[in-house]
PDB file of N, CA and C in Angstrom:
ATOM      1  N   UNK A   1      34.846  27.797 -21.737  1.00  0.00           N
ATOM      2  CA  UNK A   1      33.952  26.668 -20.955  1.00  0.00           C
ATOM      3  C   UNK A   1      33.075  26.380 -21.688  1.00  0.00           C
ATOM      4  N   UNK A   2      33.323  26.758 -23.153  1.00  0.00           N
ATOM      5  CA  UNK A   2      32.666  26.218 -24.039  1.00  0.00           C
ATOM      6  C   UNK A   2      33.606  24.729 -24.490  1.00  0.00           C
ATOM      7  N   UNK A   3      34.651  24.891 -24.590  1.00  0.00           N
ATOM      8  CA  UNK A   3      36.054  24.136 -24.902  1.00  0.00           C
ATOM      9  C   UNK A   3      35.972  23.203 -23.707  1.00  0.00           C
ATOM     10  N   UNK A   4      35.481  23.049 -22.680  1.00  0.00           N
ATOM     11  CA  UNK A   4      35.564  22.200 -21.590  1.00  0.00           C
ATOM     12  C   UNK A   4      34.352  21.244 -21.879  1.00  0.00           C
ATOM     13  N   UNK A   5      33.311  21.845 -22.309  1.00  0.00           N
ATOM     14  CA  UNK A   5      31.796  21.002 -22.801  1.00  0.00           C
ATOM     15  C   UNK A   5      32.885  19.806 -23.631  1.00  0.00           C
ATOM     16  N   UNK A   6      33.102  20.852 -24.822  1.00  0.00           N
ATOM     17  CA  UNK A   6      34.004  19.396 -25.998  1.00  0.00           C
ATOM     18  C   UNK A   6      34.832  18.773 -25.648  1.00  0.00           C
ATOM     19  N   UNK A   7      35.626  19.035 -24.566  1.00  0.00           N
ATOM     20  CA  UNK A   7      36.603  18.087 -23.824  1.00  0.00           C
ATOM     21  C   UNK A   7      35.778  17.154 -23.370  1.00  0.00           C
ATOM     22  N   UNK A   8      34.680  17.166 -22.393  1.00  0.00           N
ATOM     23  CA  UNK A   8      34.109  16.674 -21.623  1.00  0.00           C
ATOM     24  C   UNK A   8      33.179  15.697 -22.807  1.00  0.00           C
ATOM     25  N   UNK A   9      32.403  16.087 -23.395  1.00  0.00           N
ATOM     26  CA  UNK A   9      31.602  14.926 -24.128  1.00  0.00           C
ATOM     27  C   UNK A   9      32.984  14.329 -25.123  1.00  0.00           C
ATOM     28  N   UNK A  10      34.015  14.709 -25.657  1.00  0.00           N
ATOM     29  CA  UNK A  10      34.976  14.092 -26.102  1.00  0.00           C
ATOM     30  C   UNK A  10      35.534  12.666 -25.574  1.00  0.00           C
ATOM     31  N   UNK A  11      35.707  12.772 -23.908  1.00  0.00           N
ATOM     32  CA  UNK A  11      36.215  12.291 -23.083  1.00  0.00           C
ATOM     33  C   UNK A  11      35.238  10.713 -22.884  1.00  0.00           C
ATOM     34  N   UNK A  12      33.803  11.863 -22.507  1.00  0.00           N
ATOM     35  CA  UNK A  12      32.592  10.733 -22.928  1.00  0.00           C
ATOM     36  C   UNK A  12      32.393   9.673 -23.868  1.00  0.00           C
ATOM     37  N   UNK A  13      32.577   9.833 -24.834  1.00  0.00           N
ATOM     38  CA  UNK A  13      32.476   9.301 -26.322  1.00  0.00           C
ATOM     39  C   UNK A  13      33.415   8.088 -26.065  1.00  0.00           C
ATOM     40  N   UNK A  14      35.072   8.574 -26.157  1.00  0.00           N
ATOM     41  CA  UNK A  14      35.779   7.319 -25.657  1.00  0.00           C
ATOM     42  C   UNK A  14      35.642   6.633 -24.736  1.00  0.00           C
ATOM     43  N   UNK A  15      35.171   6.852 -23.916  1.00  0.00           N
ATOM     44  CA  UNK A  15      35.122   5.845 -22.725  1.00  0.00           C
ATOM     45  C   UNK A  15      33.623   4.900 -23.111  1.00  0.00           C
ATOM     46  N   UNK A  16      32.679   5.590 -23.878  1.00  0.00           N
ATOM     47  CA  UNK A  16      31.933   4.559 -24.451  1.00  0.00           C
ATOM     48  C   UNK A  16      32.241   3.265 -24.943  1.00  0.00           C
ATOM     49  N   UNK A  17      32.941   4.256 -25.340  1.00  0.00           N
ATOM     50  CA  UNK A  17      33.515   3.163 -27.504  1.00  0.00           C
ATOM     51  C   UNK A  17      34.464   2.468 -26.859  1.00  0.00           C
ATOM     52  N   UNK A  18      35.126   2.770 -26.006  1.00  0.00           N
ATOM     53  CA  UNK A  18      36.585   1.745 -25.378  1.00  0.00           C
ATOM     54  C   UNK A  18      35.563   0.260 -24.498  1.00  0.00           C
ATOM     55  N   UNK A  19      34.776   0.964 -23.832  1.00  0.00           N
ATOM     56  CA  UNK A  19      34.027  -0.139 -22.743  1.00  0.00           C
ATOM     57  C   UNK A  19      33.230  -1.175 -23.697  1.00  0.00           C
ATOM     58  N   UNK A  20      32.464  -0.591 -24.782  1.00  0.00           N
ATOM     59  CA  UNK A  20      32.036  -1.516 -25.613  1.00  0.00           C
ATOM     60  C   UNK A  20      32.785  -2.288 -26.781  1.00  0.00           C
ATOM     61  N   UNK A  21      33.499  -1.789 -27.120  1.00  0.00           N
ATOM     62  CA  UNK A  21      34.879  -2.435 -27.737  1.00  0.00           C
ATOM     63  C   UNK A  21      35.460  -3.880 -26.849  1.00  0.00           C
ATOM     64  N   UNK A  22      35.279  -3.853 -25.712  1.00  0.00           N
ATOM     65  CA  UNK A  22      36.253  -4.817 -25.122  1.00  0.00           C
ATOM     66  C   UNK A  22      35.179  -6.290 -24.788  1.00  0.00           C
ATOM     67  N   UNK A  23      35.595  -7.076 -25.140  1.00  0.00           N
ATOM     68  CA  UNK A  23      35.407  -8.394 -25.466  1.00  0.00           C
ATOM     69  C   UNK A  23      34.693  -9.226 -24.203  1.00  0.00           C
ATOM     70  N   UNK A  24      33.642  -9.789 -24.773  1.00  0.00           N
ATOM     71  CA  UNK A  24      32.828 -10.634 -23.656  1.00  0.00           C
ATOM     72  C   UNK A  24      33.020 -12.013 -23.357  1.00  0.00           C
ATOM     73  N   UNK A  25      32.887 -12.537 -22.335  1.00  0.00           N
ATOM     74  CA  UNK A  25      33.570 -13.800 -22.750  1.00  0.00           C
ATOM     75  C   UNK A  25      32.280 -14.506 -23.292  1.00  0.00           C
ATOM     76  N   UNK A  26      31.793 -15.486 -23.846  1.00  0.00           N
ATOM     77  CA  UNK A  26      31.267 -16.373 -24.371  1.00  0.00           C
ATOM     78  C   UNK A  26      30.913 -17.643 -23.084  1.00  0.00           C
ATOM     79  N   UNK A  27      29.275 -17.632 -23.157  1.00  0.00           N
ATOM     80  CA  UNK A  27      28.797 -18.374 -22.312  1.00  0.00           C
ATOM     81  C   UNK A  27      27.827 -19.114 -22.648  1.00  0.00           C
ATOM     82  N   UNK A  28      27.982 -20.460 -22.917  1.00  0.00           N
ATOM     83  CA  UNK A  28      26.870 -21.326 -23.111  1.00  0.00           C
ATOM     84  C   UNK A  28      26.522 -21.802 -22.317  1.00  0.00           C
ATOM     85  N   UNK A  29      25.150 -22.208 -22.248  1.00  0.00           N
ATOM     86  CA  UNK A  29      24.646 -22.616 -21.253  1.00  0.00           C
ATOM     87  C   UNK A  29      23.233 -23.188 -21.926  1.00  0.00           C
ATOM     88  N   UNK A  30      22.648 -24.912 -21.427  1.00  0.00           N
ATOM     89  CA  UNK A  30      21.163 -25.409 -22.172  1.00  0.00           C
ATOM     90  C   UNK A  30      20.034 -24.821 -21.487  1.00  0.00           C
ATOM     91  N   UNK A  31      18.996 -25.162 -22.270  1.00  0.00           N
ATOM     92  CA  UNK A  31      18.119 -24.631 -21.602  1.00  0.00           C
ATOM     93  C   UNK A  31      17.579 -24.717 -20.418  1.00  0.00           C
ATOM     94  N   UNK A  32      17.883 -26.062 -19.817  1.00  0.00           N
ATOM     95  CA  UNK A  32      17.540 -27.219 -18.214  1.00  0.00           C
ATOM     96  C   UNK A  32      18.272 -26.046 -17.070  1.00  0.00           C
ATOM     97  N   UNK A  33      19.667 -25.555 -18.275  1.00  0.00           N
ATOM     98  CA  UNK A  33      20.861 -24.315 -17.280  1.00  0.00           C
ATOM     99  C   UNK A  33      20.232 -23.352 -16.931  1.00  0.00           C
ATOM    100  N   UNK A  34      20.003 -23.169 -18.050  1.00  0.00           N
ATOM    101  CA  UNK A  34      18.952 -21.381 -17.897  1.00  0.00           C
ATOM    102  C   UNK A  34      17.530 -21.468 -17.045  1.00  0.00           C
ATOM    103  N   UNK A  35      16.673 -22.818 -17.311  1.00  0.00           N
ATOM    104  CA  UNK A  35      15.459 -22.699 -16.258  1.00  0.00           C
ATOM    105  C   UNK A  35      15.869 -22.794 -14.973  1.00  0.00           C
ATOM    106  N   UNK A  36      16.693 -23.853 -14.850  1.00  0.00           N
ATOM    107  CA  UNK A  36      17.565 -24.154 -12.999  1.00  0.00           C
ATOM    108  C   UNK A  36      17.965 -22.583 -12.646  1.00  0.00           C
ATOM    109  N   UNK A  37      18.750 -21.789 -13.145  1.00  0.00           N
ATOM    110  CA  UNK A  37      19.656 -20.332 -12.696  1.00  0.00           C
ATOM    111  C   UNK A  37      18.211 -19.222 -12.669  1.00  0.00           C
ATOM    112  N   UNK A  38      17.258 -19.455 -13.686  1.00  0.00           N
ATOM    113  CA  UNK A  38      16.541 -18.546 -13.434  1.00  0.00           C
ATOM    114  C   UNK A  38      15.059 -18.866 -12.137  1.00  0.00           C
ATOM    115  N   UNK A  39      15.027 -20.244 -11.670  1.00  0.00           N
ATOM    116  CA  UNK A  39      14.204 -20.520 -10.589  1.00  0.00           C
ATOM    117  C   UNK A  39      15.358 -20.244  -9.391  1.00  0.00           C
ATOM    118  N   UNK A  40      16.058 -20.507  -9.649  1.00  0.00           N
ATOM    119  CA  UNK A  40      17.017 -20.257  -8.188  1.00  0.00           C
ATOM    120  C   UNK A  40      16.859 -18.754  -8.325  1.00  0.00           C
ATOM    121  N   UNK A  41      17.198 -17.924  -8.770  1.00  0.00           N
ATOM    122  CA  UNK A  41      17.434 -16.727  -8.963  1.00  0.00           C
ATOM    123  C   UNK A  41      16.077 -15.223  -8.922  1.00  0.00           C
ATOM    124  N   UNK A  42      14.991 -15.808  -8.962  1.00  0.00           N
ATOM    125  CA  UNK A  42      13.864 -15.414  -9.227  1.00  0.00           C
ATOM    126  C   UNK A  42      12.388 -16.257  -8.263  1.00  0.00           C
ATOM    127  N   UNK A  43      13.063 -17.165  -7.601  1.00  0.00           N
ATOM    128  CA  UNK A  43      12.070 -17.747  -6.697  1.00  0.00           C
ATOM    129  C   UNK A  43      11.501 -16.771  -5.931  1.00  0.00           C
ATOM    130  N   UNK A  44      11.667 -15.924  -5.290  1.00  0.00           N
ATOM    131  CA  UNK A  44      10.810 -15.228  -4.118  1.00  0.00           C
ATOM    132  C   UNK A  44       9.827 -14.892  -5.066  1.00  0.00           C
ATOM    133  N   UNK A  45      10.609 -13.806  -6.428  1.00  0.00           N
ATOM    134  CA  UNK A  45       9.428 -13.224  -7.564  1.00  0.00           C
ATOM    135  C   UNK A  45       8.238 -14.223  -7.868  1.00  0.00           C
ATOM    136  N   UNK A  46       8.494 -15.531  -8.053  1.00  0.00           N
ATOM    137  CA  UNK A  46       7.740 -16.355  -8.158  1.00  0.00           C
ATOM    138  C   UNK A  46       6.326 -16.750  -7.137  1.00  0.00           C
ATOM    139  N   UNK A  47       7.195 -17.181  -5.891  1.00  0.00           N
ATOM    140  CA  UNK A  47       6.038 -17.001  -4.645  1.00  0.00           C
ATOM    141  C   UNK A  47       5.022 -15.831  -4.528  1.00  0.00           C
ATOM    142  N   UNK A  48       6.264 -14.963  -4.650  1.00  0.00           N
ATOM    143  CA  UNK A  48       5.314 -13.583  -4.204  1.00  0.00           C
ATOM    144  C   UNK A  48       4.432 -13.232  -5.369  1.00  0.00           C
ATOM    145  N   UNK A  49       4.373 -13.961  -6.887  1.00  0.00           N
ATOM    146  CA  UNK A  49       3.077 -13.661  -7.631  1.00  0.00           C
ATOM    147  C   UNK A  49       1.845 -14.842  -7.396  1.00  0.00           C
ATOM    148  N   UNK A  50       2.003 -15.866  -7.077  1.00  0.00           N
ATOM    149  CA  UNK A  50       1.629 -17.041  -6.680  1.00  0.00           C
ATOM    150  C   UNK A  50       0.547 -16.741  -5.022  1.00  0.00           C
ATOM    151  N   UNK A  51       1.490 -15.415  -4.535  1.00  0.00           N
ATOM    152  CA  UNK A  51       0.930 -15.869  -2.628  1.00  0.00           C
ATOM    153  C   UNK A  51       0.850 -16.792  -2.142  1.00  0.00           C
ATOM    154  N   UNK A  52       2.635 -17.262  -2.477  1.00  0.00           N
ATOM    155  CA  UNK A  52       3.091 -18.489  -0.988  1.00  0.00           C
ATOM    156  C   UNK A  52       3.920 -17.772  -0.683  1.00  0.00           C
ATOM    157  N   UNK A  53       3.589 -17.952   0.972  1.00  0.00           N
ATOM    158  CA  UNK A  53       4.627 -17.312   1.314  1.00  0.00           C
ATOM    159  C   UNK A  53       5.527 -18.245   2.070  1.00  0.00           C
TER     160      UNK A  53
END
């Protein structure tokens, strides 16, 4: 039973290390692009905050 826990822990740690080692693509956005994306994706939350139906 103790050996199974160690194996499970080793597998989980290996998975975490390999997942974090994968390269992420570089994304370059201007401030205007970031603001536009934010507003498009959060418009409903903003309307709710200011009680706009």
